[in-house]
Amino acid sequence: MAIFLDENSKIIVQGMTGSEGMKHTRRMLKAGSNIVGGVNPRKAGEKVEIDGTQIPVFGTVAEAIAETGANVSVVFVPPAFAKSAVIEAVDAAIPLAVVITEGIPVHDSTEFWAYAQRQAENGAGRTRIIGPNCPGLISPGKSNAGIIPADIAKAGKIGLVSKSGTLTYQMMYELRDLGFSSAIGIGGDPVIGTTHIDALQAFQDDADTAAIVMIGEIGGDAEERAAAYIKEHITKPVVGYVAGFTAPEGKTMGHAGAIVSGSSGTAQAKKEALEAAGVKVGKTPSETARLMRAIIEQL
């Protein structure tokens, strides 16, 4: 099993013909992903050959869905055009839009997230947004939508949700022998689509996920909210890591969302909230991996 992405996923790439889109489409194909098309209005009707695979280019997301049955879009569109690209995907009611692009203005992210919510409430079809500024998600051995390296871990029973792309890769590598049902990078921007809580519930509902790793970082209160949710709704074991224990107070660090003010948003405050919810929290990624190993051995 897997969450949000599996062997039946049919993926289109908005911005496939750009340099980043082309590079990562090639990598997704090598990982076994079923890439059924690209979207670029200026190159509609063309076909792009990538390592022997002919991929059609469509003018719109709606056309791509109609021709291929696509149910996932990966967005590599530059920041200035990302909002319209995501809104186009939402209008076409694609079930999953994975927004890799970084540097999207927060106002634009807020707009397309709110637009997706309104469309869902109006019955026009629900589009789950992952990101922006994220590495995407992977269900090892099944499919890969985004930029997570496909060869760092095998399939297994651990679910991973992380704000940080780099820490996603590190944790997958640390636990590569145990393997993952799915790993999802939700992004660290102030406004994102899918949250820790969304992923936690999906892993809770997935029969083949036995335990969950949750990676957060300083700033905001997403981890505290996730801790409260875990306490009320998650029965599977969860281990956590919060990046930023050594960050100086009042300093903006790394991701745009990581702003510390007083005790609010600090790594220690998040660690305490998670531990109060029964989550074992590592001080380093390696310690977090060891905590997960101990849990898996006891299952």
Protein backbone atom coordinates (compact mmCIF):
# COMPACT_ATOMS: atom_id res chain seq x y z
CA MET A 1 0.00 0.00 0.00
CA ALA A 2 0.97 3.65 -0.28
CA ILE A 3 -0.56 7.07 0.32
CA PHE A 4 -1.58 9.47 -2.45
CA LEU A 5 0.67 7.79 -5.07
CA ASP A 6 0.90 4.18 -6.27
CA GLU A 7 1.59 1.98 -9.29
CA ASN A 8 -1.71 3.07 -10.86
CA SER A 9 -0.82 6.77 -10.82
CA LYS A 10 -0.69 8.42 -14.25
CA ILE A 11 1.52 11.49 -14.11
CA ILE A 12 1.70 14.60 -16.28
CA VAL A 13 4.42 17.23 -15.89
CA GLN A 14 3.53 20.90 -16.17
CA GLY A 15 6.71 22.53 -17.41
CA MET A 16 8.16 19.26 -18.69
CA THR A 17 9.93 20.89 -21.62
CA GLY A 18 11.95 23.25 -19.39
CA SER A 19 15.40 22.25 -18.17
CA GLU A 20 14.33 21.26 -14.64
CA GLY A 21 11.16 19.59 -15.86
CA MET A 22 13.06 17.57 -18.44
CA LYS A 23 15.79 16.52 -16.01
CA HIS A 24 13.40 15.28 -13.37
CA THR A 25 10.98 13.71 -15.84
CA ARG A 26 13.92 11.57 -16.94
CA ARG A 27 14.61 10.63 -13.32
CA MET A 28 10.95 9.82 -12.63
CA LEU A 29 10.82 7.59 -15.70
CA LYS A 30 13.94 5.74 -14.53
CA ALA A 31 12.21 5.22 -11.18
CA GLY A 32 9.34 3.46 -12.94
CA SER A 33 6.81 6.29 -12.79
CA ASN A 34 4.12 6.23 -15.46
CA ILE A 35 4.64 9.63 -17.13
CA VAL A 36 1.83 9.99 -19.66
CA GLY A 37 2.31 13.57 -20.86
CA GLY A 38 3.67 17.07 -20.47
CA VAL A 39 1.86 20.41 -20.56
CA ASN A 40 3.13 23.45 -22.45
CA PRO A 41 0.69 25.58 -24.50
CA ARG A 42 3.49 26.68 -26.85
CA LYS A 43 4.47 23.10 -27.69
CA ALA A 44 1.07 21.42 -27.79
CA GLY A 45 0.94 18.54 -30.26
CA GLU A 46 4.65 17.82 -30.13
CA LYS A 47 6.24 14.68 -28.73
CA VAL A 48 9.35 14.64 -26.60
CA GLU A 49 11.63 11.61 -26.57
CA ILE A 50 13.29 10.86 -23.24
CA ASP A 51 15.54 7.81 -23.15
CA GLY A 52 13.50 6.07 -25.82
CA THR A 53 10.08 6.99 -24.39
CA GLN A 54 7.85 9.21 -26.53
CA ILE A 55 5.89 11.60 -24.32
CA PRO A 56 3.12 13.76 -25.84
CA VAL A 57 2.86 17.45 -24.98
CA PHE A 58 -0.60 18.92 -24.42
CA GLY A 59 -1.79 22.50 -24.44
CA THR A 60 -3.72 22.28 -21.16
CA VAL A 61 -4.08 20.03 -18.15
CA ALA A 62 -7.70 19.33 -19.12
CA GLU A 63 -6.61 18.10 -22.56
CA ALA A 64 -3.94 15.90 -20.98
CA ILE A 65 -6.47 14.33 -18.61
CA ALA A 66 -8.98 13.75 -21.41
CA GLU A 67 -6.37 12.01 -23.59
CA THR A 68 -4.44 10.05 -20.99
CA GLY A 69 -6.57 9.65 -17.86
CA ALA A 70 -3.85 11.40 -15.84
CA ASN A 71 -4.55 11.72 -12.11
CA VAL A 72 -1.33 13.40 -10.92
CA SER A 73 0.39 16.58 -12.09
CA VAL A 74 3.93 17.54 -11.09
CA VAL A 75 4.50 21.29 -11.44
CA PHE A 76 7.94 22.56 -12.49
CA VAL A 77 6.63 25.92 -13.76
CA PRO A 78 8.72 29.03 -12.84
CA PRO A 79 7.49 31.02 -9.82
CA ALA A 80 5.91 33.85 -11.81
CA PHE A 81 3.61 31.43 -13.63
CA ALA A 82 3.10 28.80 -10.93
CA LYS A 83 -0.17 30.22 -9.57
CA SER A 84 -1.90 30.04 -12.94
CA ALA A 85 -0.48 26.54 -13.52
CA VAL A 86 -1.87 25.25 -10.23
CA ILE A 87 -5.24 26.94 -10.78
CA GLU A 88 -5.37 25.30 -14.22
CA ALA A 89 -4.76 21.92 -12.59
CA VAL A 90 -7.46 22.61 -10.00
CA ASP A 91 -9.93 23.69 -12.72
CA ALA A 92 -9.28 20.39 -14.47
CA ALA A 93 -10.03 18.62 -11.15
CA ILE A 94 -6.85 16.56 -11.21
CA PRO A 95 -6.80 14.63 -7.92
CA LEU A 96 -3.18 15.41 -7.00
CA ALA A 97 -0.99 18.41 -7.85
CA VAL A 98 2.62 18.24 -6.63
CA VAL A 99 4.10 21.75 -6.71
CA ILE A 100 7.90 21.47 -6.74
CA THR A 101 8.59 25.13 -7.59
CA GLU A 102 10.33 27.18 -4.93
CA GLY A 103 10.20 30.95 -4.63
CA ILE A 104 6.46 31.27 -5.24
CA PRO A 105 5.18 34.45 -3.53
CA VAL A 106 3.20 33.59 -0.40
CA HIS A 107 0.28 35.62 -1.73
CA ASP A 108 0.14 33.40 -4.82
CA SER A 109 0.31 30.21 -2.76
CA THR A 110 -2.48 31.50 -0.54
CA GLU A 111 -4.59 32.27 -3.60
CA PHE A 112 -4.29 28.89 -5.28
CA TRP A 113 -4.72 27.00 -2.01
CA ALA A 114 -7.90 28.95 -1.20
CA TYR A 115 -9.12 28.48 -4.78
CA ALA A 116 -8.69 24.70 -4.48
CA GLN A 117 -10.65 24.73 -1.21
CA ARG A 118 -13.51 26.69 -2.77
CA GLN A 119 -13.68 24.35 -5.76
CA ALA A 120 -13.90 21.37 -3.44
CA GLU A 121 -16.62 23.00 -1.34
CA ASN A 122 -18.59 23.84 -4.48
CA GLY A 123 -18.47 20.22 -5.65
CA ALA A 124 -16.25 20.98 -8.64
CA GLY A 125 -13.77 18.26 -7.69
CA ARG A 126 -11.09 18.08 -5.04
CA THR A 127 -7.43 18.59 -5.88
CA ARG A 128 -4.93 17.68 -3.19
CA ILE A 129 -1.98 20.08 -3.36
CA ILE A 130 1.42 19.02 -2.08
CA GLY A 131 3.91 21.85 -1.67
CA PRO A 132 4.96 24.30 -2.92
CA ASN A 133 8.73 24.33 -2.46
CA CYS A 134 8.82 20.62 -1.77
CA PRO A 135 10.57 17.50 -3.08
CA GLY A 136 7.30 15.72 -3.80
CA LEU A 137 6.52 12.17 -2.77
CA ILE A 138 7.63 8.64 -3.49
CA SER A 139 6.15 5.21 -2.93
CA PRO A 140 9.27 3.08 -3.44
CA GLY A 141 8.87 0.39 -6.06
CA LYS A 142 5.60 1.92 -7.24
CA SER A 143 5.94 5.54 -8.34
CA ASN A 144 7.84 8.77 -7.80
CA ALA A 145 6.36 12.25 -8.30
CA GLY A 146 8.96 14.95 -7.79
CA ILE A 147 12.68 15.10 -7.10
CA ILE A 148 13.26 12.56 -4.31
CA PRO A 149 16.07 10.20 -5.39
CA ALA A 150 14.48 6.83 -6.11
CA ASP A 151 17.41 4.62 -5.18
CA ILE A 152 18.05 5.61 -1.56
CA ALA A 153 15.47 3.31 0.05
CA LYS A 154 13.39 0.24 -0.71
CA ALA A 155 9.71 -0.42 -0.09
CA GLY A 156 8.76 -1.15 3.50
CA LYS A 157 6.36 -0.35 6.34
CA ILE A 158 7.52 3.10 7.51
CA GLY A 159 5.65 6.24 6.55
CA LEU A 160 7.62 9.51 6.41
CA VAL A 161 6.33 13.07 6.34
CA SER A 162 8.80 15.95 6.38
CA LYS A 163 8.97 19.72 5.95
CA SER A 164 12.56 19.49 4.73
CA GLY A 165 13.61 17.96 1.43
CA THR A 166 17.19 17.29 2.54
CA LEU A 167 16.07 15.66 5.78
CA THR A 168 13.60 13.55 3.80
CA TYR A 169 16.52 12.12 1.86
CA GLN A 170 18.68 11.65 4.95
CA MET A 171 15.98 9.81 6.90
CA MET A 172 15.22 7.56 3.94
CA TYR A 173 18.91 6.73 3.68
CA GLU A 174 19.25 6.12 7.42
CA LEU A 175 16.36 3.62 7.30
CA ARG A 176 16.97 2.33 3.78
CA ASP A 177 17.17 -1.32 4.85
CA LEU A 178 13.78 -1.17 6.58
CA GLY A 179 12.06 0.70 3.74
CA PHE A 180 9.07 2.98 3.32
CA SER A 181 5.45 2.66 2.29
CA SER A 182 5.54 6.30 1.18
CA ALA A 183 7.70 9.33 1.89
CA ILE A 184 6.23 12.79 1.40
CA GLY A 185 7.94 16.17 1.55
CA ILE A 186 5.28 18.77 2.32
CA GLY A 187 7.52 21.85 1.99
CA GLY A 188 8.53 24.48 4.51
CA ASP A 189 6.82 27.60 3.15
CA PRO A 190 4.37 29.50 5.41
CA VAL A 191 1.42 28.39 3.25
CA ILE A 192 1.33 24.80 2.00
CA GLY A 193 -1.36 22.43 0.81
CA THR A 194 -1.04 19.01 2.43
CA THR A 195 0.03 19.26 6.08
CA HIS A 196 1.67 16.99 8.64
CA ILE A 197 -1.82 16.20 9.93
CA ASP A 198 -3.12 15.20 6.48
CA ALA A 199 -0.21 12.83 5.96
CA LEU A 200 -0.41 11.41 9.49
CA GLN A 201 -4.06 10.50 9.00
CA ALA A 202 -3.35 8.94 5.60
CA PHE A 203 -0.61 6.78 7.14
CA GLN A 204 -2.94 5.88 10.02
CA ASP A 205 -5.50 4.67 7.46
CA ASP A 206 -2.93 2.73 5.39
CA ALA A 207 -2.96 -0.92 6.45
CA ASP A 208 0.62 -1.49 5.30
CA THR A 209 2.18 1.42 7.19
CA ALA A 210 3.28 0.17 10.61
CA ALA A 211 5.01 3.25 12.04
CA ILE A 212 5.52 6.91 11.13
CA VAL A 213 8.44 9.35 11.12
CA MET A 214 7.51 13.03 11.28
CA ILE A 215 10.14 15.69 10.59
CA GLY A 216 9.45 19.31 11.44
CA GLU A 217 11.48 22.44 11.90
CA ILE A 218 11.54 25.60 13.97
CA GLY A 219 9.02 28.35 13.34
CA GLY A 220 5.23 28.40 13.26
CA ASP A 221 3.02 26.00 15.18
CA ALA A 222 2.45 23.18 12.67
CA GLU A 223 4.29 20.64 14.82
CA GLU A 224 2.35 21.59 17.95
CA ARG A 225 -0.91 21.19 16.05
CA ALA A 226 0.29 17.84 14.71
CA ALA A 227 1.16 16.77 18.26
CA ALA A 228 -2.38 17.53 19.44
CA TYR A 229 -3.77 15.57 16.49
CA ILE A 230 -1.51 12.59 17.17
CA LYS A 231 -2.67 12.47 20.78
CA GLU A 232 -6.33 12.33 19.72
CA HIS A 233 -6.31 10.36 16.48
CA ILE A 234 -3.12 8.40 15.73
CA THR A 235 -2.68 4.96 17.25
CA LYS A 236 0.42 3.89 15.31
CA PRO A 237 3.84 4.63 16.81
CA VAL A 238 5.32 7.97 15.74
CA VAL A 239 8.89 9.19 16.08
CA GLY A 240 9.84 12.78 15.42
CA TYR A 241 12.69 15.13 14.70
CA VAL A 242 12.63 18.94 14.80
CA ALA A 243 15.37 20.72 12.87
CA GLY A 244 16.82 23.80 14.56
CA PHE A 245 17.82 22.93 18.12
CA THR A 246 20.91 25.13 17.78
CA ALA A 247 19.16 28.08 16.15
CA PRO A 248 19.56 31.40 18.00
CA GLU A 249 16.36 32.94 19.34
CA GLY A 250 14.79 35.63 17.16
CA LYS A 251 16.73 34.53 14.09
CA THR A 252 15.14 33.61 10.77
CA MET A 253 16.64 30.32 9.64
CA GLY A 254 16.42 28.40 6.36
CA HIS A 255 12.89 27.96 5.11
CA ALA A 256 10.64 30.99 4.92
CA GLY A 257 8.37 29.51 7.59
CA ALA A 258 11.13 29.06 10.18
CA ILE A 259 10.91 32.16 12.35
CA VAL A 260 11.50 31.89 16.09
CA SER A 261 10.15 34.42 18.54
CA GLY A 262 10.51 33.85 22.27
CA SER A 263 9.55 30.28 23.21
CA SER A 264 6.99 30.02 20.41
CA GLY A 265 8.21 27.98 17.48
CA THR A 266 11.42 26.77 19.10
CA ALA A 267 12.69 23.24 18.63
CA GLN A 268 12.47 22.61 22.37
CA ALA A 269 8.83 23.73 22.55
CA LYS A 270 7.95 21.48 19.62
CA LYS A 271 9.86 18.55 21.12
CA GLU A 272 7.99 18.93 24.40
CA ALA A 273 4.62 19.11 22.64
CA LEU A 274 5.37 15.97 20.65
CA GLU A 275 6.66 14.05 23.65
CA ALA A 276 3.53 15.01 25.60
CA ALA A 277 1.57 13.30 22.82
CA GLY A 278 3.60 10.11 23.17
CA VAL A 279 5.99 10.77 20.28
CA LYS A 280 9.61 9.80 20.79
CA VAL A 281 11.77 12.69 19.53
CA GLY A 282 15.40 12.42 18.47
CA LYS A 283 17.90 15.24 18.92
CA THR A 284 19.55 14.33 15.59
CA PRO A 285 18.34 12.56 12.45
CA SER A 286 20.52 9.54 13.31
CA GLU A 287 19.08 9.30 16.82
CA THR A 288 15.58 9.57 15.33
CA ALA A 289 16.37 6.70 12.98
CA ARG A 290 17.58 4.60 15.93
CA LEU A 291 14.32 5.27 17.76
CA MET A 292 12.40 4.03 14.72
CA ARG A 293 14.57 0.91 14.46
CA ALA A 294 13.77 0.04 18.07
CA ILE A 295 10.05 0.43 17.39
CA ILE A 296 10.12 -1.73 14.25
CA GLU A 297 12.02 -4.46 16.13
CA GLN A 298 9.24 -4.58 18.71
CA LEU A 299 6.37 -4.81 16.20
